Amino acid sequence: MNAEDAKLITLARGARGRVGAHAGAAVRDDTGRSYSGADVVLPSLSLTALQLAVAAAVAAGARGIEGAAIVSVSPEASRHELAALREAGGAGITVLLADPSGTVVGNESV
């Protein structure tokens, strides 16, 4: 794993840990800026950690996404999460899937 991907894992772990969420995620845009998020579950709003990280990147003006990571007890990326990532970042993005210790246990490709 390269240093930039390790940074995504660290940011995702931090986002998850700050609020005790089920999952944390981070994305890196095409200029190298990183955005992170944790699951949001409210009566009127529900976003996964990856959806929130993608939304933060888009809201900040990112024109592409080149990397992503999800940290969770059972890390996986849903088709809705992958669709949001594809819409914001295009094809060819690898989503690293890591457990809470930061150990990569798999990946998904968009």
C-alpha atoms as a PDB file:
ATOM      1  CA  MET A   1       0.000   0.000   0.000  1.00  0.00           C
ATOM      2  CA  ASN A   2       1.369   3.430  -0.902  1.00  0.00           C
ATOM      3  CA  ALA A   3       1.508   6.376   1.500  1.00  0.00           C
ATOM      4  CA  GLU A   4      -1.522   8.111  -0.006  1.00  0.00           C
ATOM      5  CA  ASP A   5      -3.684   5.010   0.414  1.00  0.00           C
ATOM      6  CA  ALA A   6      -2.430   4.562   3.986  1.00  0.00           C
ATOM      7  CA  LYS A   7      -3.504   8.156   4.655  1.00  0.00           C
ATOM      8  CA  LEU A   8      -7.024   7.338   3.446  1.00  0.00           C
ATOM      9  CA  ILE A   9      -7.214   4.398   5.856  1.00  0.00           C
ATOM     10  CA  THR A  10      -5.995   6.620   8.720  1.00  0.00           C
ATOM     11  CA  LEU A  11      -8.562   9.317   7.910  1.00  0.00           C
ATOM     12  CA  ALA A  12     -11.379   6.762   7.664  1.00  0.00           C
ATOM     13  CA  ARG A  13     -10.373   5.208  11.002  1.00  0.00           C
ATOM     14  CA  GLY A  14     -10.340   8.661  12.587  1.00  0.00           C
ATOM     15  CA  ALA A  15     -13.766   9.602  11.243  1.00  0.00           C
ATOM     16  CA  ARG A  16     -15.229   6.328  12.489  1.00  0.00           C
ATOM     17  CA  GLY A  17     -13.594   6.610  15.896  1.00  0.00           C
ATOM     18  CA  ARG A  18     -14.555  10.244  16.568  1.00  0.00           C
ATOM     19  CA  VAL A  19     -18.258   9.460  16.670  1.00  0.00           C
ATOM     20  CA  GLY A  20     -18.241   5.722  17.317  1.00  0.00           C
ATOM     21  CA  ALA A  21     -19.877   5.052  13.948  1.00  0.00           C
ATOM     22  CA  HIS A  22     -20.236   1.642  12.356  1.00  0.00           C
ATOM     23  CA  ALA A  23     -18.095   2.788   9.426  1.00  0.00           C
ATOM     24  CA  GLY A  24     -15.735   5.549   8.411  1.00  0.00           C
ATOM     25  CA  ALA A  25     -14.579   6.408   4.908  1.00  0.00           C
ATOM     26  CA  ALA A  26     -12.243   8.737   3.079  1.00  0.00           C
ATOM     27  CA  VAL A  27     -11.688   9.760  -0.520  1.00  0.00           C
ATOM     28  CA  ARG A  28      -8.849  11.538  -2.301  1.00  0.00           C
ATOM     29  CA  ASP A  29      -9.710  13.911  -5.130  1.00  0.00           C
ATOM     30  CA  ASP A  30      -7.829  14.526  -8.345  1.00  0.00           C
ATOM     31  CA  THR A  31      -5.779  17.324  -6.768  1.00  0.00           C
ATOM     32  CA  GLY A  32      -4.691  15.239  -3.768  1.00  0.00           C
ATOM     33  CA  ARG A  33      -7.118  16.709  -1.219  1.00  0.00           C
ATOM     34  CA  SER A  34      -8.744  14.236   1.150  1.00  0.00           C
ATOM     35  CA  TYR A  35     -12.244  14.146   2.622  1.00  0.00           C
ATOM     36  CA  SER A  36     -13.570  11.823   5.294  1.00  0.00           C
ATOM     37  CA  GLY A  37     -16.881  10.975   6.884  1.00  0.00           C
ATOM     38  CA  ALA A  38     -18.706   8.598   9.169  1.00  0.00           C
ATOM     39  CA  ASP A  39     -22.147   7.027   8.890  1.00  0.00           C
ATOM     40  CA  VAL A  40     -25.000   9.495   9.473  1.00  0.00           C
ATOM     41  CA  VAL A  41     -28.219   7.994  10.755  1.00  0.00           C
ATOM     42  CA  LEU A  42     -30.986  10.467  11.615  1.00  0.00           C
ATOM     43  CA  PRO A  43     -34.745  10.077  11.340  1.00  0.00           C
ATOM     44  CA  SER A  44     -34.777  12.340   8.270  1.00  0.00           C
ATOM     45  CA  LEU A  45     -31.345  11.604   6.778  1.00  0.00           C
ATOM     46  CA  SER A  46     -29.247   8.513   6.268  1.00  0.00           C
ATOM     47  CA  LEU A  47     -25.840   8.551   4.560  1.00  0.00           C
ATOM     48  CA  THR A  48     -23.115   5.968   4.572  1.00  0.00           C
ATOM     49  CA  ALA A  49     -19.606   7.056   5.433  1.00  0.00           C
ATOM     50  CA  LEU A  50     -18.516   6.743   1.794  1.00  0.00           C
ATOM     51  CA  GLN A  51     -21.512   8.720   0.527  1.00  0.00           C
ATOM     52  CA  LEU A  52     -20.679  11.494   2.999  1.00  0.00           C
ATOM     53  CA  ALA A  53     -17.012  11.573   1.984  1.00  0.00           C
ATOM     54  CA  VAL A  54     -17.985  11.719  -1.703  1.00  0.00           C
ATOM     55  CA  ALA A  55     -20.531  14.472  -0.988  1.00  0.00           C
ATOM     56  CA  ALA A  56     -17.904  16.504   0.897  1.00  0.00           C
ATOM     57  CA  ALA A  57     -15.507  16.195  -2.035  1.00  0.00           C
ATOM     58  CA  VAL A  58     -18.132  17.244  -4.554  1.00  0.00           C
ATOM     59  CA  ALA A  59     -19.288  20.140  -2.348  1.00  0.00           C
ATOM     60  CA  ALA A  60     -15.679  21.344  -2.161  1.00  0.00           C
ATOM     61  CA  GLY A  61     -15.422  21.388  -5.952  1.00  0.00           C
ATOM     62  CA  ALA A  62     -13.607  18.123  -6.659  1.00  0.00           C
ATOM     63  CA  ARG A  63     -13.745  17.268 -10.359  1.00  0.00           C
ATOM     64  CA  GLY A  64     -12.574  13.688  -9.912  1.00  0.00           C
ATOM     65  CA  ILE A  65     -11.758  11.087  -7.285  1.00  0.00           C
ATOM     66  CA  GLU A  66      -8.707   8.881  -7.496  1.00  0.00           C
ATOM     67  CA  GLY A  67      -8.894   6.765  -4.336  1.00  0.00           C
ATOM     68  CA  ALA A  68     -11.218   5.703  -1.515  1.00  0.00           C
ATOM     69  CA  ALA A  69     -11.245   3.639   1.662  1.00  0.00           C
ATOM     70  CA  ILE A  70     -13.880   2.226   4.003  1.00  0.00           C
ATOM     71  CA  VAL A  71     -13.091   1.090   7.546  1.00  0.00           C
ATOM     72  CA  SER A  72     -15.647  -1.056   9.372  1.00  0.00           C
ATOM     73  CA  VAL A  73     -16.041  -4.247  11.364  1.00  0.00           C
ATOM     74  CA  SER A  74     -17.433  -5.822   8.196  1.00  0.00           C
ATOM     75  CA  PRO A  75     -16.234  -3.511   5.418  1.00  0.00           C
ATOM     76  CA  GLU A  76     -18.105  -3.586   2.134  1.00  0.00           C
ATOM     77  CA  ALA A  77     -19.249  -1.118  -0.493  1.00  0.00           C
ATOM     78  CA  SER A  78     -22.871  -1.187  -1.630  1.00  0.00           C
ATOM     79  CA  ARG A  79     -23.890  -0.628  -5.219  1.00  0.00           C
ATOM     80  CA  HIS A  80     -25.295   2.789  -4.201  1.00  0.00           C
ATOM     81  CA  GLU A  81     -21.958   3.808  -2.706  1.00  0.00           C
ATOM     82  CA  LEU A  82     -20.071   2.613  -5.763  1.00  0.00           C
ATOM     83  CA  ALA A  83     -22.526   4.447  -8.032  1.00  0.00           C
ATOM     84  CA  ALA A  84     -21.984   7.729  -6.147  1.00  0.00           C
ATOM     85  CA  LEU A  85     -18.234   7.242  -6.365  1.00  0.00           C
ATOM     86  CA  ARG A  86     -18.429   6.496 -10.095  1.00  0.00           C
ATOM     87  CA  GLU A  87     -20.649   9.550 -10.734  1.00  0.00           C
ATOM     88  CA  ALA A  88     -18.282  11.839  -8.836  1.00  0.00           C
ATOM     89  CA  GLY A  89     -14.993  10.316  -9.852  1.00  0.00           C
ATOM     90  CA  GLY A  90     -15.328   8.194 -12.961  1.00  0.00           C
ATOM     91  CA  ALA A  91     -14.160   4.649 -13.567  1.00  0.00           C
ATOM     92  CA  GLY A  92     -10.981   2.970 -12.398  1.00  0.00           C
ATOM     93  CA  ILE A  93     -11.236   3.881  -8.708  1.00  0.00           C
ATOM     94  CA  THR A  94     -10.200   1.259  -6.164  1.00  0.00           C
ATOM     95  CA  VAL A  95     -11.978   1.274  -2.805  1.00  0.00           C
ATOM     96  CA  LEU A  96      -9.816  -0.206  -0.063  1.00  0.00           C
ATOM     97  CA  LEU A  97     -11.783  -2.181   2.537  1.00  0.00           C
ATOM     98  CA  ALA A  98     -10.196  -2.315   5.985  1.00  0.00           C
ATOM     99  CA  ASP A  99     -11.052  -3.592   9.433  1.00  0.00           C
ATOM    100  CA  PRO A 100     -11.001  -1.297  12.492  1.00  0.00           C
ATOM    101  CA  SER A 101      -7.275  -1.922  13.034  1.00  0.00           C
ATOM    102  CA  GLY A 102      -6.582  -0.539   9.560  1.00  0.00           C
ATOM    103  CA  THR A 103      -5.699  -3.891   8.015  1.00  0.00           C
ATOM    104  CA  VAL A 104      -6.851  -4.029   4.406  1.00  0.00           C
ATOM    105  CA  VAL A 105      -9.049  -7.097   3.968  1.00  0.00           C
ATOM    106  CA  GLY A 106     -10.187  -6.515   0.395  1.00  0.00           C
ATOM    107  CA  ASN A 107     -11.064  -4.001  -2.256  1.00  0.00           C
ATOM    108  CA  GLU A 108     -13.744  -3.054  -4.745  1.00  0.00           C
ATOM    109  CA  SER A 109     -13.199  -1.467  -8.133  1.00  0.00           C
ATOM    110  CA  VAL A 110     -15.449   1.116  -9.731  1.00  0.00           C
END
